[in-house]
Structures are given as C-alpha cells and as structure tokens.
Amino acid sequence: MLKKNKQIFYRFIPLTIFLILFMIGIAVNEPQRVLEQAWNICLDCIGIG
C-alpha cells in the first residue's frame, strides 16, 4: 500500500511545480507582456506596425 501512495504523490509533483510557476508568472505581470508581444507581432505581420 505504501508504494501506491508514493506513486500518487509523484504524480502531483509536476502539477504542484506548474501551479507555483503559474502563480509567479501572474505575480510579475507576465500575461500582459505576452499579450503585448503577440499584438506587436500581429501588427508586423499585416504590415501596420
């Protein structure tokens, strides 16, 4: 039974790491930066920017 509990625990490690990094990204306003870069690329592609 102990081995099964370890397997369940190890499955949640990547999820936990992802959530921590996700929250850090939101805290440093990363979504806004990504949106601004996407906006600039789109404008460049259609020849406006």
PDB file of N, CA and C in Angstrom:
ATOM      1  N   MET A   1       0.823  -1.204   0.000  1.00  0.00           N
ATOM      2  CA  MET A   1       0.000   0.000   0.000  1.00  0.00           C
ATOM      3  C   MET A   1       0.865   1.265   0.000  1.00  0.00           C
ATOM      4  N   LEU A   2       1.998   1.189   0.663  1.00  0.00           N
ATOM      5  CA  LEU A   2       2.874   2.357   0.735  1.00  0.00           C
ATOM      6  C   LEU A   2       3.405   2.740  -0.650  1.00  0.00           C
ATOM      7  N   LYS A   3       3.677   1.742  -1.477  1.00  0.00           N
ATOM      8  CA  LYS A   3       4.174   2.015  -2.824  1.00  0.00           C
ATOM      9  C   LYS A   3       3.129   2.747  -3.659  1.00  0.00           C
ATOM     10  N   LYS A   4       1.882   2.402  -3.510  1.00  0.00           N
ATOM     11  CA  LYS A   4       0.810   3.063  -4.256  1.00  0.00           C
ATOM     12  C   LYS A   4       0.679   4.525  -3.825  1.00  0.00           C
ATOM     13  N   ASN A   5       0.831   4.799  -2.545  1.00  0.00           N
ATOM     14  CA  ASN A   5       0.766   6.180  -2.056  1.00  0.00           C
ATOM     15  C   ASN A   5       1.903   7.015  -2.629  1.00  0.00           C
ATOM     16  N   LYS A   6       3.083   6.423  -2.758  1.00  0.00           N
ATOM     17  CA  LYS A   6       4.216   7.141  -3.345  1.00  0.00           C
ATOM     18  C   LYS A   6       3.947   7.466  -4.802  1.00  0.00           C
ATOM     19  N   GLN A   7       3.353   6.537  -5.530  1.00  0.00           N
ATOM     20  CA  GLN A   7       3.044   6.778  -6.935  1.00  0.00           C
ATOM     21  C   GLN A   7       2.060   7.928  -7.075  1.00  0.00           C
ATOM     22  N   ILE A   8       1.061   7.972  -6.232  1.00  0.00           N
ATOM     23  CA  ILE A   8       0.091   9.070  -6.272  1.00  0.00           C
ATOM     24  C   ILE A   8       0.781  10.388  -5.947  1.00  0.00           C
ATOM     25  N   PHE A   9       1.661  10.356  -4.956  1.00  0.00           N
ATOM     26  CA  PHE A   9       2.397  11.559  -4.563  1.00  0.00           C
ATOM     27  C   PHE A   9       3.246  12.076  -5.719  1.00  0.00           C
ATOM     28  N   TYR A  10       3.958  11.179  -6.401  1.00  0.00           N
ATOM     29  CA  TYR A  10       4.835  11.578  -7.503  1.00  0.00           C
ATOM     30  C   TYR A  10       4.052  12.121  -8.691  1.00  0.00           C
ATOM     31  N   ARG A  11       2.828  11.731  -8.847  1.00  0.00           N
ATOM     32  CA  ARG A  11       2.011  12.255  -9.937  1.00  0.00           C
ATOM     33  C   ARG A  11       1.655  13.724  -9.729  1.00  0.00           C
ATOM     34  N   PHE A  12       1.594  14.159  -8.498  1.00  0.00           N
ATOM     35  CA  PHE A  12       1.203  15.534  -8.209  1.00  0.00           C
ATOM     36  C   PHE A  12       2.375  16.498  -8.155  1.00  0.00           C
ATOM     37  N   ILE A  13       3.584  16.003  -8.196  1.00  0.00           N
ATOM     38  CA  ILE A  13       4.752  16.885  -8.156  1.00  0.00           C
ATOM     39  C   ILE A  13       4.791  17.819  -9.361  1.00  0.00           C
ATOM     40  N   PRO A  14       4.657  17.328 -10.610  1.00  0.00           N
ATOM     41  CA  PRO A  14       4.675  18.267 -11.749  1.00  0.00           C
ATOM     42  C   PRO A  14       3.525  19.272 -11.696  1.00  0.00           C
ATOM     43  N   LEU A  15       2.370  18.843 -11.261  1.00  0.00           N
ATOM     44  CA  LEU A  15       1.233  19.756 -11.152  1.00  0.00           C
ATOM     45  C   LEU A  15       1.518  20.857 -10.141  1.00  0.00           C
ATOM     46  N   THR A  16       2.107  20.484  -9.023  1.00  0.00           N
ATOM     47  CA  THR A  16       2.439  21.461  -7.993  1.00  0.00           C
ATOM     48  C   THR A  16       3.474  22.460  -8.502  1.00  0.00           C
ATOM     49  N   ILE A  17       4.493  21.957  -9.194  1.00  0.00           N
ATOM     50  CA  ILE A  17       5.511  22.848  -9.745  1.00  0.00           C
ATOM     51  C   ILE A  17       4.895  23.798 -10.766  1.00  0.00           C
ATOM     52  N   PHE A  18       4.023  23.255 -11.628  1.00  0.00           N
ATOM     53  CA  PHE A  18       3.355  24.087 -12.619  1.00  0.00           C
ATOM     54  C   PHE A  18       2.553  25.199 -11.950  1.00  0.00           C
ATOM     55  N   LEU A  19       1.790  24.859 -10.929  1.00  0.00           N
ATOM     56  CA  LEU A  19       0.954  25.861 -10.264  1.00  0.00           C
ATOM     57  C   LEU A  19       1.798  26.948  -9.603  1.00  0.00           C
ATOM     58  N   ILE A  20       2.910  26.561  -9.011  1.00  0.00           N
ATOM     59  CA  ILE A  20       3.796  27.552  -8.385  1.00  0.00           C
ATOM     60  C   ILE A  20       4.357  28.502  -9.442  1.00  0.00           C
ATOM     61  N   LEU A  21       4.850  27.946 -10.548  1.00  0.00           N
ATOM     62  CA  LEU A  21       5.396  28.798 -11.605  1.00  0.00           C
ATOM     63  C   LEU A  21       4.315  29.649 -12.258  1.00  0.00           C
ATOM     64  N   PHE A  22       3.115  29.107 -12.386  1.00  0.00           N
ATOM     65  CA  PHE A  22       1.990  29.850 -12.945  1.00  0.00           C
ATOM     66  C   PHE A  22       1.661  31.060 -12.083  1.00  0.00           C
ATOM     67  N   MET A  23       1.623  30.872 -10.784  1.00  0.00           N
ATOM     68  CA  MET A  23       1.312  31.969  -9.869  1.00  0.00           C
ATOM     69  C   MET A  23       2.433  33.017  -9.872  1.00  0.00           C
ATOM     70  N   ILE A  24       3.679  32.576  -9.970  1.00  0.00           N
ATOM     71  CA  ILE A  24       4.790  33.523 -10.046  1.00  0.00           C
ATOM     72  C   ILE A  24       4.679  34.348 -11.321  1.00  0.00           C
ATOM     73  N   GLY A  25       4.344  33.714 -12.438  1.00  0.00           N
ATOM     74  CA  GLY A  25       4.179  34.427 -13.700  1.00  0.00           C
ATOM     75  C   GLY A  25       3.089  35.468 -13.632  1.00  0.00           C
ATOM     76  N   ILE A  26       1.986  35.130 -13.008  1.00  0.00           N
ATOM     77  CA  ILE A  26       0.898  36.100 -12.858  1.00  0.00           C
ATOM     78  C   ILE A  26       1.329  37.251 -11.947  1.00  0.00           C
ATOM     79  N   ALA A  27       2.092  36.938 -10.904  1.00  0.00           N
ATOM     80  CA  ALA A  27       2.525  37.965  -9.956  1.00  0.00           C
ATOM     81  C   ALA A  27       3.453  38.989 -10.605  1.00  0.00           C
ATOM     82  N   VAL A  28       4.238  38.570 -11.592  1.00  0.00           N
ATOM     83  CA  VAL A  28       5.164  39.507 -12.236  1.00  0.00           C
ATOM     84  C   VAL A  28       4.583  40.063 -13.537  1.00  0.00           C
ATOM     85  N   ASN A  29       3.280  39.925 -13.727  1.00  0.00           N
ATOM     86  CA  ASN A  29       2.539  40.505 -14.855  1.00  0.00           C
ATOM     87  C   ASN A  29       2.993  39.946 -16.201  1.00  0.00           C
ATOM     88  N   GLU A  30       3.344  38.678 -16.232  1.00  0.00           N
ATOM     89  CA  GLU A  30       3.789  38.042 -17.468  1.00  0.00           C
ATOM     90  C   GLU A  30       2.685  37.937 -18.517  1.00  0.00           C
ATOM     91  N   PRO A  31       1.425  37.672 -18.159  1.00  0.00           N
ATOM     92  CA  PRO A  31       0.393  37.594 -19.204  1.00  0.00           C
ATOM     93  C   PRO A  31       0.270  38.883 -20.013  1.00  0.00           C
ATOM     94  N   GLN A  32       0.421  40.024 -19.384  1.00  0.00           N
ATOM     95  CA  GLN A  32       0.344  41.301 -20.091  1.00  0.00           C
ATOM     96  C   GLN A  32       1.488  41.436 -21.086  1.00  0.00           C
ATOM     97  N   ARG A  33       2.666  41.008 -20.687  1.00  0.00           N
ATOM     98  CA  ARG A  33       3.832  41.092 -21.582  1.00  0.00           C
ATOM     99  C   ARG A  33       3.644  40.189 -22.794  1.00  0.00           C
ATOM    100  N   VAL A  34       3.149  38.988 -22.569  1.00  0.00           N
ATOM    101  CA  VAL A  34       2.916  38.066 -23.676  1.00  0.00           C
ATOM    102  C   VAL A  34       1.874  38.640 -24.630  1.00  0.00           C
ATOM    103  N   LEU A  35       0.825  39.223 -24.085  1.00  0.00           N
ATOM    104  CA  LEU A  35      -0.213  39.821 -24.915  1.00  0.00           C
ATOM    105  C   LEU A  35       0.344  40.978 -25.746  1.00  0.00           C
ATOM    106  N   GLU A  36       1.178  41.815 -25.140  1.00  0.00           N
ATOM    107  CA  GLU A  36       1.783  42.928 -25.875  1.00  0.00           C
ATOM    108  C   GLU A  36       2.677  42.429 -27.007  1.00  0.00           C
ATOM    109  N   GLN A  37       3.460  41.391 -26.760  1.00  0.00           N
ATOM    110  CA  GLN A  37       4.326  40.850 -27.801  1.00  0.00           C
ATOM    111  C   GLN A  37       3.493  40.249 -28.928  1.00  0.00           C
ATOM    112  N   ALA A  38       2.440  39.538 -28.589  1.00  0.00           N
ATOM    113  CA  ALA A  38       1.575  38.954 -29.615  1.00  0.00           C
ATOM    114  C   ALA A  38       0.931  40.053 -30.442  1.00  0.00           C
ATOM    115  N   TRP A  39       0.524  41.120 -29.799  1.00  0.00           N
ATOM    116  CA  TRP A  39      -0.094  42.243 -30.501  1.00  0.00           C
ATOM    117  C   TRP A  39       0.891  42.849 -31.494  1.00  0.00           C
ATOM    118  N   ASN A  40       2.126  43.057 -31.060  1.00  0.00           N
ATOM    119  CA  ASN A  40       3.145  43.640 -31.943  1.00  0.00           C
ATOM    120  C   ASN A  40       3.455  42.723 -33.115  1.00  0.00           C
ATOM    121  N   ILE A  41       3.550  41.447 -32.879  1.00  0.00           N
ATOM    122  CA  ILE A  41       3.836  40.506 -33.961  1.00  0.00           C
ATOM    123  C   ILE A  41       2.706  40.513 -34.973  1.00  0.00           C
ATOM    124  N   CYS A  42       1.472  40.524 -34.491  1.00  0.00           N
ATOM    125  CA  CYS A  42       0.327  40.537 -35.410  1.00  0.00           C
ATOM    126  C   CYS A  42       0.322  41.803 -36.269  1.00  0.00           C
ATOM    127  N   LEU A  43       0.613  42.936 -35.657  1.00  0.00           N
ATOM    128  CA  LEU A  43       0.655  44.174 -36.424  1.00  0.00           C
ATOM    129  C   LEU A  43       1.778  44.165 -37.451  1.00  0.00           C
ATOM    130  N   ASP A  44       2.918  43.580 -37.089  1.00  0.00           N
ATOM    131  CA  ASP A  44       4.021  43.471 -38.040  1.00  0.00           C
ATOM    132  C   ASP A  44       3.655  42.553 -39.208  1.00  0.00           C
ATOM    133  N   CYS A  45       2.950  41.487 -38.907  1.00  0.00           N
ATOM    134  CA  CYS A  45       2.607  40.515 -39.961  1.00  0.00           C
ATOM    135  C   CYS A  45       1.679  41.117 -41.013  1.00  0.00           C
ATOM    136  N   ILE A  46       0.778  41.981 -40.591  1.00  0.00           N
ATOM    137  CA  ILE A  46      -0.139  42.543 -41.569  1.00  0.00           C
ATOM    138  C   ILE A  46       0.359  43.877 -42.119  1.00  0.00           C
ATOM    139  N   GLY A  47       1.541  44.308 -41.678  1.00  0.00           N
ATOM    140  CA  GLY A  47       2.174  45.472 -42.275  1.00  0.00           C
ATOM    141  C   GLY A  47       1.778  46.805 -41.679  1.00  0.00           C
ATOM    142  N   ILE A  48       1.131  46.821 -40.529  1.00  0.00           N
ATOM    143  CA  ILE A  48       0.741  48.094 -39.915  1.00  0.00           C
ATOM    144  C   ILE A  48       1.842  48.599 -38.983  1.00  0.00           C
ATOM    145  N   GLY A  49       2.448  47.709 -38.232  1.00  0.00           N
ATOM    146  CA  GLY A  49       3.406  48.117 -37.205  1.00  0.00           C
ATOM    147  C   GLY A  49       4.762  48.126 -37.737  1.00  0.00           C
TER     148      GLY A  49
END
